[in-house]
Amino acid sequence: MIPIRSGAFHNRRSQVIAPQKTGKGPWAAAIVSAEAVGPVLFLDWAEEGDTYECADYGCGCGWVYRYKPGEPMGHPWPTPLIQLLATSEDQVDNVYRPLSAMARGERLRDRMKVREGFIRVTGGDGDPDANRIDVVTSSAQSRLGNPITFCIQDETGLYNAQNKLIKVAETMRRGTAPMGGRSIETTNCYDPSEQSVAQRTRESRAKDIFKFYEPPPANLSYKNKAERRKIHTYNYVGSPHADLHGIEAEAAELLEKDPGQAERFYGNRIVAGLGSWMNGDRWDARWRRVEVAAGTQVVLGFDGSDVDDWTGIRAQTREGYQFTPVTLGGPTIWDPADFGGRVPRLEVAAAVDWLFTHFDVVRMYGDPPYWETELDAWAEKYGEKRVLRWATYRPVQMHAAAERLLVDVAKADSGFSHDGCEVTALHMRSARKAQRPSNRYVLTKPGDGRKIDMAVVSVICNEAAGDVTAASLWSEPAFLYTASSTRRR
């Protein structure tokens, strides 16, 4: 009987996000041991008298398991080839060191032989040199690309475009596909401004990825010492080896210089590091379900591009609800890559015409580079007091507008809310601060190809709404839309 490989399982791969020093490394090592010599493949459904005996596979530990009728029966990999990936040798030791100790133990030493830089797995079929557990790091990738039966990718929150480990991780996972193998990621919480492998996995919509992440209660503040103690107690309840006093001391020191790092490593929360602009969780918390009726008074924010960055328009009501309009041509977001490498200017112009017809547009702010001619034409058509240039390259004005949106998103009594536009949310998390004189900043891209254009559009749009309010240009409010505070799931 031939065992069934990955096809027997719902989940093709898994991700485990947990705090620093909860025991992810030893746990992963135990999983690797099972994948190397244990009955991890589905064989059949058990009948009366069926057993699994390690002695049948060259192991002298003496373990015998007697199946109950109807239980799934297991079978070991005939030719296990496993890889452990980490950013460095020191990092991979989190898994390899406890794995080596297990391999030298009484129960596994007949089947797993620790060698220099790898572990030989004995008793399998085929070429004995192929049955092994290898270490792969950013500086040692010679075995990358081999068909493998299983892999552990440790600290995937550190795999990014800069260290080139995104491609390494993807290549390794592709190596499991022809073998019917699977993989597991383990990591601390990632910095959402870095677009790491961990972030990509967590944000993936694939249905066959198991994701384990249990953050602490959201109402507890990590900056408050008493509440931080409760967060640590919650996070390490299953890790009795963890010294909460030592964790508190290290976290308190990290909070002085890099609070994001402390909260990610020990607080088990996905928060941005130094240099990021918008707190993604705070932005997400402002999502509301709102339907904006035709004829509603709105302001528009516009940021245009030509061949690389995205072009977008956001709208905002007097009540502070900001959204990406959906015109007859679709959402008002244009990625040049979807249009042969160049923004479709006629489609953008048609969308602007639709917006001015469908809504009562009080004011439109537009960033002028590449779109000066169009902005002048729209100003002539709809009024010079309604369509105005608003340049984002001015550090004084841009800093103030960016800070205004941060405050409107963060303050407790703010009326600001938004539509949950996924592209805008991603751009919000990607935006970084670029320092300018006099302690000011403008928004910039993180440098790895991610875009921030819709975040800039949101800043412009919110600034237009604030200026219209300050100038008392809104008409008397009318109940033209309905809203619900139901949170998005």
Protein backbone atom coordinates (compact mmCIF):
# COMPACT_ATOMS: atom_id res chain seq x y z
CA MET A 1 0.00 0.00 0.00
CA ILE A 2 1.38 3.43 -1.00
CA PRO A 3 0.99 6.23 1.56
CA ILE A 4 -0.76 9.45 0.56
CA ARG A 5 1.39 12.55 0.88
CA SER A 6 0.19 16.16 1.11
CA GLY A 7 -3.09 15.29 -0.61
CA ALA A 8 -4.30 13.70 2.61
CA PHE A 9 -4.13 16.99 4.49
CA HIS A 10 -6.22 20.15 4.25
CA ASN A 11 -3.29 22.46 5.07
CA ARG A 12 -0.35 22.61 2.67
CA ARG A 13 1.76 24.69 5.05
CA SER A 14 1.56 26.42 8.43
CA GLN A 15 2.62 29.58 10.21
CA VAL A 16 3.17 29.98 13.95
CA ILE A 17 3.58 33.51 15.37
CA ALA A 18 4.54 33.62 19.04
CA PRO A 19 6.61 35.78 21.41
CA GLN A 20 10.34 35.56 21.98
CA LYS A 21 11.46 32.52 24.00
CA THR A 22 8.16 30.68 24.18
CA GLY A 23 9.82 27.50 22.92
CA LYS A 24 9.22 27.71 19.17
CA GLY A 25 12.69 26.27 18.41
CA PRO A 26 12.44 23.05 20.47
CA TRP A 27 8.85 22.57 19.27
CA ALA A 28 9.98 22.90 15.64
CA ALA A 29 12.83 20.46 16.33
CA ALA A 30 10.34 17.87 17.56
CA ILE A 31 8.28 18.33 14.39
CA VAL A 32 11.42 17.88 12.27
CA SER A 33 12.25 14.66 14.15
CA ALA A 34 8.78 13.32 13.41
CA GLU A 35 9.06 14.29 9.73
CA ALA A 36 12.45 12.53 9.54
CA VAL A 37 11.58 9.17 11.07
CA GLY A 38 7.99 9.23 12.29
CA PRO A 39 4.65 8.07 10.81
CA VAL A 40 3.63 11.44 9.34
CA LEU A 41 2.12 10.20 6.05
CA PHE A 42 -1.43 8.87 5.84
CA LEU A 43 -1.50 5.18 4.94
CA ASP A 44 -5.07 3.95 5.46
CA TRP A 45 -7.87 3.63 8.01
CA ALA A 46 -7.05 1.11 10.73
CA GLU A 47 -8.80 -2.19 11.22
CA GLU A 48 -8.82 -4.47 14.26
CA GLY A 49 -5.30 -5.60 15.14
CA ASP A 50 -3.37 -3.00 13.09
CA THR A 51 -0.22 -1.64 14.75
CA TYR A 52 2.69 0.66 14.10
CA GLU A 53 6.08 -0.74 15.18
CA CYS A 54 9.26 1.30 14.99
CA ALA A 55 11.29 -1.91 14.59
CA ASP A 56 9.77 -2.34 11.12
CA TYR A 57 11.71 0.77 10.03
CA GLY A 58 15.10 0.05 11.57
CA CYS A 59 14.55 1.74 14.93
CA GLY A 60 15.50 -0.02 18.14
CA CYS A 61 13.52 2.11 20.58
CA GLY A 62 10.87 -0.60 20.96
CA TRP A 63 7.85 1.68 20.52
CA VAL A 64 4.63 -0.01 19.39
CA TYR A 65 1.29 1.71 18.84
CA ARG A 66 -1.91 -0.32 18.58
CA TYR A 67 -4.48 1.47 16.44
CA LYS A 68 -8.16 1.58 17.27
CA PRO A 69 -10.45 0.58 14.41
CA GLY A 70 -11.17 3.61 12.21
CA GLU A 71 -8.09 5.58 13.26
CA PRO A 72 -5.81 7.00 10.53
CA MET A 73 -2.68 4.92 10.19
CA GLY A 74 0.70 6.55 9.62
CA HIS A 75 3.76 5.74 7.56
CA PRO A 76 7.22 7.37 7.58
CA TRP A 77 8.75 9.09 4.57
CA PRO A 78 10.71 6.51 2.54
CA THR A 79 13.28 9.14 1.49
CA PRO A 80 13.15 12.10 3.89
CA LEU A 81 15.00 15.21 2.78
CA ILE A 82 14.46 18.13 5.14
CA GLN A 83 15.82 21.67 5.20
CA LEU A 84 16.04 24.24 8.00
CA LEU A 85 16.16 27.88 6.90
CA ALA A 86 17.19 30.92 8.92
CA THR A 87 18.93 34.24 8.37
CA SER A 88 22.22 33.01 9.89
CA GLU A 89 23.88 30.01 11.52
CA ASP A 90 23.24 31.49 14.96
CA GLN A 91 19.56 31.86 14.09
CA VAL A 92 19.19 28.34 12.70
CA ASP A 93 20.71 26.98 15.93
CA ASN A 94 17.38 27.80 17.60
CA VAL A 95 16.08 24.67 15.88
CA TYR A 96 19.24 22.75 15.01
CA ARG A 97 20.71 22.70 18.54
CA PRO A 98 17.69 21.05 20.25
CA LEU A 99 17.26 18.83 17.17
CA SER A 100 20.85 17.58 17.51
CA ALA A 101 20.25 16.84 21.19
CA MET A 102 17.13 14.86 20.32
CA ALA A 103 19.00 12.97 17.58
CA ARG A 104 21.65 11.89 20.08
CA GLY A 105 19.02 10.71 22.54
CA GLU A 106 18.17 7.11 23.32
CA ARG A 107 15.07 6.93 21.14
CA LEU A 108 16.37 8.53 17.95
CA ARG A 109 20.07 7.72 17.76
CA ASP A 110 19.47 4.54 15.71
CA ARG A 111 17.83 6.56 12.94
CA MET A 112 19.44 10.03 13.12
CA LYS A 113 23.21 10.53 12.98
CA VAL A 114 24.54 14.03 13.72
CA ARG A 115 27.31 15.00 11.32
CA GLU A 116 29.17 18.26 10.61
CA GLY A 117 26.49 20.70 9.43
CA PHE A 118 23.77 18.12 8.76
CA ILE A 119 21.99 15.08 10.22
CA ARG A 120 21.95 11.75 8.39
CA VAL A 121 18.63 9.85 8.47
CA THR A 122 19.21 6.10 8.27
CA GLY A 123 16.85 3.30 7.34
CA GLY A 124 15.15 5.02 4.40
CA ASP A 125 14.92 3.86 0.81
CA GLY A 126 17.15 4.81 -2.11
CA ASP A 127 20.42 6.72 -1.91
CA PRO A 128 21.39 7.06 1.78
CA ASP A 129 23.07 10.40 1.01
CA ALA A 130 19.65 11.79 0.05
CA ASN A 131 18.06 11.02 3.43
CA ARG A 132 19.19 13.93 5.55
CA ILE A 133 18.40 17.17 7.35
CA ASP A 134 20.28 20.17 5.99
CA VAL A 135 20.83 23.71 7.21
CA VAL A 136 20.26 26.59 4.78
CA THR A 137 21.14 30.21 5.57
CA SER A 138 21.47 33.42 3.60
CA SER A 139 25.18 32.65 3.15
CA ALA A 140 24.86 28.88 2.59
CA GLN A 141 22.34 28.03 -0.12
CA SER A 142 24.14 25.30 -2.07
CA ARG A 143 21.36 22.75 -1.62
CA LEU A 144 18.59 25.20 -2.39
CA GLY A 145 16.28 24.03 -5.15
CA ASN A 146 16.38 20.32 -4.29
CA PRO A 147 13.04 18.49 -4.05
CA ILE A 148 12.40 18.20 -0.31
CA THR A 149 9.83 16.49 1.89
CA PHE A 150 9.63 19.12 4.62
CA CYS A 151 11.15 22.42 5.67
CA ILE A 152 11.18 24.69 8.70
CA GLN A 153 11.61 28.40 8.03
CA ASP A 154 12.57 30.09 11.29
CA GLU A 155 11.98 33.80 12.01
CA THR A 156 10.32 34.59 8.69
CA GLY A 157 9.56 38.06 10.05
CA LEU A 158 13.21 38.81 9.18
CA TYR A 159 13.04 37.54 5.58
CA ASN A 160 12.71 40.56 3.31
CA ALA A 161 13.73 41.92 -0.06
CA GLN A 162 16.93 43.47 1.32
CA ASN A 163 18.45 40.18 2.53
CA LYS A 164 17.00 38.31 -0.48
CA LEU A 165 15.42 35.65 1.72
CA ILE A 166 11.94 36.11 0.24
CA LYS A 167 13.08 34.35 -2.94
CA VAL A 168 14.99 31.76 -0.90
CA ALA A 169 11.87 30.93 1.13
CA GLU A 170 9.70 30.72 -1.99
CA THR A 171 12.25 28.50 -3.77
CA MET A 172 12.40 26.19 -0.77
CA ARG A 173 8.61 25.91 -0.57
CA ARG A 174 8.46 25.16 -4.29
CA GLY A 175 10.85 22.30 -3.59
CA THR A 176 8.19 20.61 -1.42
CA ALA A 177 5.53 20.65 -4.15
CA PRO A 178 6.81 17.81 -6.42
CA MET A 179 7.48 15.64 -3.36
CA GLY A 180 4.08 16.18 -1.80
CA GLY A 181 5.81 17.75 1.18
CA ARG A 182 4.79 20.52 3.54
CA SER A 183 6.41 23.38 5.44
CA ILE A 184 6.12 25.39 8.65
CA GLU A 185 7.08 29.00 9.39
CA THR A 186 7.91 30.08 12.95
CA THR A 187 8.45 33.69 13.86
CA ASN A 188 8.07 36.50 16.33
CA CYS A 189 5.66 39.24 15.32
CA TYR A 190 6.82 41.06 12.22
CA ASP A 191 7.22 44.75 11.43
CA PRO A 192 4.33 45.50 9.01
CA SER A 193 6.37 48.20 7.29
CA GLU A 194 8.93 45.67 5.98
CA GLN A 195 6.75 43.34 3.87
CA SER A 196 8.46 40.21 5.17
CA VAL A 197 7.69 36.59 4.34
CA ALA A 198 5.77 36.37 7.62
CA GLN A 199 3.59 39.31 6.61
CA ARG A 200 3.00 37.88 3.15
CA THR A 201 1.91 34.58 4.63
CA ARG A 202 -0.39 36.12 7.21
CA GLU A 203 -2.02 38.37 4.60
CA SER A 204 -2.36 35.58 2.03
CA ARG A 205 -5.90 34.56 1.08
CA ALA A 206 -4.90 30.96 0.34
CA LYS A 207 -7.25 28.59 2.14
CA ASP A 208 -4.69 25.83 2.73
CA ILE A 209 -2.39 27.74 5.10
CA PHE A 210 -2.85 27.08 8.83
CA LYS A 211 -2.14 30.25 10.81
CA PHE A 212 -1.60 30.28 14.56
CA TYR A 213 -1.43 33.68 16.25
CA GLU A 214 -2.93 34.55 19.65
CA PRO A 215 -2.27 38.24 20.46
CA PRO A 216 -2.98 39.56 23.96
CA PRO A 217 -6.18 41.50 24.73
CA ALA A 218 -6.26 44.65 22.61
CA ASN A 219 -7.47 46.85 25.49
CA LEU A 220 -4.18 46.44 27.41
CA SER A 221 -1.51 49.09 26.82
CA TYR A 222 2.07 47.87 26.45
CA LYS A 223 3.42 51.21 27.66
CA ASN A 224 1.64 50.84 31.01
CA LYS A 225 3.79 48.73 33.34
CA ALA A 226 0.90 47.06 35.17
CA GLU A 227 -0.90 46.25 31.94
CA ARG A 228 2.36 45.12 30.33
CA ARG A 229 2.73 42.58 33.15
CA LYS A 230 -0.72 41.22 32.28
CA ILE A 231 0.27 41.01 28.61
CA HIS A 232 3.41 39.02 29.45
CA THR A 233 1.45 36.71 31.75
CA TYR A 234 -1.03 36.07 28.95
CA ASN A 235 1.64 35.48 26.31
CA TYR A 236 3.80 33.11 28.35
CA VAL A 237 1.12 31.09 30.13
CA GLY A 238 2.18 27.98 28.19
CA SER A 239 5.90 28.58 28.68
CA PRO A 240 6.73 27.90 32.35
CA HIS A 241 10.46 28.13 31.56
CA ALA A 242 10.14 31.85 30.72
CA ASP A 243 11.36 34.29 33.37
CA LEU A 244 8.78 37.08 33.40
CA HIS A 245 11.01 39.30 35.55
CA GLY A 246 13.83 39.09 33.01
CA ILE A 247 11.40 39.67 30.16
CA GLU A 248 10.00 42.77 31.88
CA ALA A 249 13.48 44.18 32.46
CA GLU A 250 14.52 43.71 28.81
CA ALA A 251 11.20 45.01 27.49
CA ALA A 252 11.37 48.12 29.67
CA GLU A 253 14.84 48.95 28.36
CA LEU A 254 13.82 48.38 24.73
CA LEU A 255 10.81 50.65 25.22
CA GLU A 256 13.16 53.58 25.80
CA LYS A 257 14.64 53.47 22.28
CA ASP A 258 12.56 51.08 20.15
CA PRO A 259 9.08 50.49 21.59
CA GLY A 260 7.94 48.70 18.45
CA GLN A 261 10.61 46.03 18.83
CA ALA A 262 9.72 45.44 22.47
CA GLU A 263 6.03 45.08 21.70
CA ARG A 264 6.68 42.72 18.78
CA PHE A 265 9.15 40.45 20.56
CA TYR A 266 7.57 40.24 24.01
CA GLY A 267 4.13 41.80 23.62
CA ASN A 268 3.25 39.52 20.67
CA ARG A 269 1.70 42.34 18.69
CA ILE A 270 2.21 43.20 15.04
CA VAL A 271 3.34 46.82 15.26
CA ALA A 272 5.57 48.95 13.08
CA GLY A 273 9.15 49.83 13.97
CA LEU A 274 11.00 53.10 13.98
CA GLY A 275 10.51 55.20 10.86
CA SER A 276 7.03 53.94 10.03
CA TRP A 277 4.28 56.50 9.79
CA MET A 278 0.78 55.10 10.35
CA ASN A 279 -0.11 52.47 12.94
CA GLY A 280 -1.88 49.91 10.76
CA ASP A 281 -4.02 48.53 13.58
CA ARG A 282 -5.28 52.00 14.46
CA TRP A 283 -6.12 52.63 10.82
CA ASP A 284 -7.99 49.32 10.57
CA ALA A 285 -9.94 50.14 13.72
CA ARG A 286 -11.50 53.15 11.96
CA TRP A 287 -13.32 50.96 9.43
CA ARG A 288 -17.07 51.46 9.21
CA ARG A 289 -19.80 50.15 6.94
CA VAL A 290 -21.22 53.24 5.22
CA GLU A 291 -23.26 53.84 2.09
CA VAL A 292 -22.79 57.33 0.65
CA ALA A 293 -25.81 58.51 -1.33
CA ALA A 294 -25.68 60.35 -4.62
CA GLY A 295 -25.65 64.10 -4.11
CA THR A 296 -23.75 63.92 -0.82
CA GLN A 297 -21.28 66.74 -0.28
CA VAL A 298 -17.70 65.44 -0.45
CA VAL A 299 -14.15 66.59 -0.97
CA LEU A 300 -11.69 64.71 -3.19
CA GLY A 301 -7.98 63.98 -2.87
CA PHE A 302 -6.03 63.13 -6.01
CA ASP A 303 -2.46 61.96 -6.56
CA GLY A 304 -1.43 61.15 -10.12
CA SER A 305 1.47 59.34 -11.73
CA ASP A 306 2.47 58.30 -15.22
CA VAL A 307 4.37 55.04 -15.63
CA ASP A 308 5.47 53.76 -12.20
CA ASP A 309 3.53 54.88 -9.14
CA TRP A 310 -0.21 54.42 -8.82
CA THR A 311 -2.87 57.06 -9.45
CA GLY A 312 -5.80 57.33 -7.07
CA ILE A 313 -8.73 59.37 -5.80
CA ARG A 314 -10.29 59.26 -2.34
CA ALA A 315 -13.42 61.10 -1.18
CA GLN A 316 -14.46 62.31 2.28
CA THR A 317 -17.78 63.50 3.67
CA ARG A 318 -18.44 66.34 6.06
CA GLU A 319 -18.91 63.79 8.84
CA GLY A 320 -15.37 62.48 8.32
CA TYR A 321 -16.04 59.27 6.38
CA GLN A 322 -13.30 58.66 3.79
CA PHE A 323 -13.67 56.17 0.95
CA THR A 324 -12.40 55.06 -2.45
CA PRO A 325 -15.30 55.78 -4.82
CA VAL A 326 -16.48 53.09 -7.22
CA THR A 327 -17.43 54.65 -10.54
CA LEU A 328 -18.85 52.97 -13.63
CA GLY A 329 -15.28 51.98 -14.48
CA GLY A 330 -14.54 50.51 -11.06
CA PRO A 331 -12.60 51.75 -8.00
CA THR A 332 -10.68 54.99 -8.49
CA ILE A 333 -7.26 53.33 -8.22
CA TRP A 334 -5.07 52.79 -11.26
CA ASP A 335 -1.91 50.66 -11.28
CA PRO A 336 0.08 51.34 -14.48
CA ALA A 337 1.03 47.66 -14.64
CA ASP A 338 -2.63 46.84 -15.32
CA PHE A 339 -2.71 49.15 -18.33
CA GLY A 340 0.39 48.26 -20.30
CA GLY A 341 2.74 50.26 -18.08
CA ARG A 342 1.05 53.66 -18.29
CA VAL A 343 -1.83 55.22 -16.35
CA PRO A 344 -5.01 55.42 -18.50
CA ARG A 345 -5.55 59.17 -18.42
CA LEU A 346 -8.85 59.05 -20.28
CA GLU A 347 -10.25 56.63 -17.69
CA VAL A 348 -9.07 58.89 -14.88
CA ALA A 349 -10.68 61.91 -16.54
CA ALA A 350 -13.93 59.99 -17.01
CA ALA A 351 -13.88 59.03 -13.32
CA VAL A 352 -13.40 62.68 -12.29
CA ASP A 353 -16.36 63.69 -14.48
CA TRP A 354 -18.48 60.96 -12.88
CA LEU A 355 -17.52 62.06 -9.36
CA PHE A 356 -18.43 65.71 -10.00
CA THR A 357 -21.74 64.61 -11.49
CA HIS A 358 -22.60 61.94 -8.91
CA PHE A 359 -21.60 63.89 -5.77
CA ASP A 360 -21.69 67.52 -4.71
CA VAL A 361 -17.91 68.06 -4.78
CA VAL A 362 -17.06 71.05 -2.58
CA ARG A 363 -13.32 70.90 -3.21
CA MET A 364 -10.74 68.75 -4.93
CA TYR A 365 -7.05 68.86 -4.01
CA GLY A 366 -4.65 67.39 -6.58
CA ASP A 367 -0.91 66.83 -6.48
CA PRO A 368 0.22 68.53 -9.72
CA PRO A 369 3.33 66.64 -11.02
CA TYR A 370 2.53 64.91 -14.35
CA TRP A 371 -1.08 66.16 -14.16
CA GLU A 372 -0.81 69.96 -14.40
CA THR A 373 -2.72 70.11 -17.68
CA GLU A 374 -5.56 67.92 -16.44
CA LEU A 375 -5.87 69.81 -13.17
CA ASP A 376 -6.06 73.11 -15.07
CA ALA A 377 -8.76 71.66 -17.34
CA TRP A 378 -10.78 70.40 -14.38
CA ALA A 379 -10.42 73.77 -12.65
CA GLU A 380 -11.71 75.52 -15.77
CA LYS A 381 -14.61 73.06 -16.07
CA TYR A 382 -15.69 72.83 -12.42
CA GLY A 383 -14.40 76.07 -10.96
CA GLU A 384 -11.05 77.37 -9.78
CA LYS A 385 -12.30 77.47 -6.19
CA ARG A 386 -13.33 73.80 -6.35
CA VAL A 387 -10.27 72.27 -8.05
CA LEU A 388 -6.95 73.36 -6.55
CA ARG A 389 -3.35 72.25 -6.83
CA TRP A 390 -1.95 70.82 -3.59
CA ALA A 391 1.73 69.89 -3.93
CA THR A 392 2.90 67.08 -1.66
CA TYR A 393 6.61 67.95 -2.05
CA ARG A 394 6.26 70.98 0.28
CA PRO A 395 7.65 69.73 3.64
CA VAL A 396 5.88 72.28 5.85
CA GLN A 397 2.43 71.66 4.40
CA MET A 398 2.88 67.91 3.92
CA HIS A 399 4.17 67.39 7.44
CA ALA A 400 1.21 69.27 8.89
CA ALA A 401 -1.29 67.34 6.74
CA ALA A 402 0.25 63.97 7.59
CA GLU A 403 0.18 64.83 11.29
CA ARG A 404 -3.45 65.94 11.00
CA LEU A 405 -4.47 62.54 9.64
CA LEU A 406 -2.47 60.72 12.33
CA VAL A 407 -4.30 62.68 15.02
CA ASP A 408 -7.70 62.17 13.40
CA VAL A 409 -7.09 58.43 13.25
CA ALA A 410 -5.72 58.12 16.79
CA LYS A 411 -7.76 60.44 19.01
CA ALA A 412 -10.59 58.85 20.93
CA ASP A 413 -13.32 61.38 20.09
CA SER A 414 -12.50 61.65 16.39
CA GLY A 415 -15.31 61.35 13.88
CA PHE A 416 -12.93 60.05 11.22
CA SER A 417 -13.74 56.67 9.67
CA HIS A 418 -13.07 54.92 6.38
CA ASP A 419 -14.22 52.20 4.00
CA GLY A 420 -11.53 49.59 4.67
CA CYS A 421 -10.07 49.86 1.15
CA GLU A 422 -7.46 47.09 1.11
CA VAL A 423 -5.05 48.89 -1.20
CA THR A 424 -5.16 52.00 0.98
CA ALA A 425 -4.57 49.91 4.11
CA LEU A 426 -1.48 48.29 2.55
CA HIS A 427 -0.13 51.66 1.44
CA MET A 428 -0.72 53.07 4.94
CA ARG A 429 1.40 50.32 6.47
CA SER A 430 4.14 50.82 3.88
CA ALA A 431 4.56 54.59 4.24
CA ARG A 432 7.74 55.73 6.00
CA LYS A 433 8.88 59.07 7.35
CA ALA A 434 11.63 60.92 5.47
CA GLN A 435 13.17 63.60 7.69
CA ARG A 436 13.27 67.22 6.58
CA PRO A 437 14.72 70.31 8.31
CA SER A 438 13.10 71.79 11.43
CA ASN A 439 12.01 68.36 12.71
CA ARG A 440 9.54 67.86 9.87
CA TYR A 441 9.02 64.91 7.54
CA VAL A 442 7.36 63.90 4.30
CA LEU A 443 6.10 60.44 3.35
CA THR A 444 8.33 58.14 1.33
CA LYS A 445 8.35 54.59 0.02
CA PRO A 446 10.31 51.95 1.98
CA GLY A 447 12.61 51.27 -0.97
CA ASP A 448 11.62 47.71 -1.84
CA GLY A 449 9.03 48.35 -4.52
CA ARG A 450 6.02 48.79 -2.25
CA LYS A 451 3.73 51.72 -2.97
CA ILE A 452 2.31 54.41 -0.70
CA ASP A 453 0.25 56.41 -3.21
CA MET A 454 -3.17 55.79 -1.65
CA ALA A 455 -1.81 56.81 1.75
CA VAL A 456 -0.74 60.13 0.20
CA VAL A 457 -4.18 60.46 -1.41
CA SER A 458 -5.80 59.96 2.01
CA VAL A 459 -3.62 62.68 3.51
CA ILE A 460 -4.57 65.12 0.73
CA CYS A 461 -8.25 64.22 1.00
CA ASN A 462 -8.35 64.68 4.77
CA GLU A 463 -6.54 68.01 4.42
CA ALA A 464 -9.17 69.18 1.92
CA ALA A 465 -11.94 68.22 4.34
CA GLY A 466 -10.27 70.13 7.16
CA ASP A 467 -9.75 73.23 5.04
CA VAL A 468 -13.36 73.19 3.84
CA THR A 469 -14.54 72.91 7.44
CA ALA A 470 -12.28 75.77 8.53
CA ALA A 471 -13.64 77.94 5.69
CA SER A 472 -17.27 77.03 6.55
CA LEU A 473 -17.91 75.83 3.01
CA TRP A 474 -20.06 72.84 3.88
CA SER A 475 -23.78 73.39 3.52
CA GLU A 476 -26.21 72.43 6.25
CA PRO A 477 -25.69 68.73 7.01
CA ALA A 478 -28.26 66.34 5.60
CA PHE A 479 -28.79 62.65 6.41
CA LEU A 480 -27.59 61.30 3.10
CA TYR A 481 -25.89 58.12 4.15
CA THR A 482 -26.23 55.34 6.67
CA ALA A 483 -23.41 53.99 8.81
CA SER A 484 -22.78 51.01 11.04
CA SER A 485 -19.96 50.59 13.54
CA THR A 486 -19.72 46.88 12.82
CA ARG A 487 -16.05 45.92 12.62
CA ARG A 488 -14.70 44.14 9.54
CA ARG A 489 -13.69 40.52 9.99
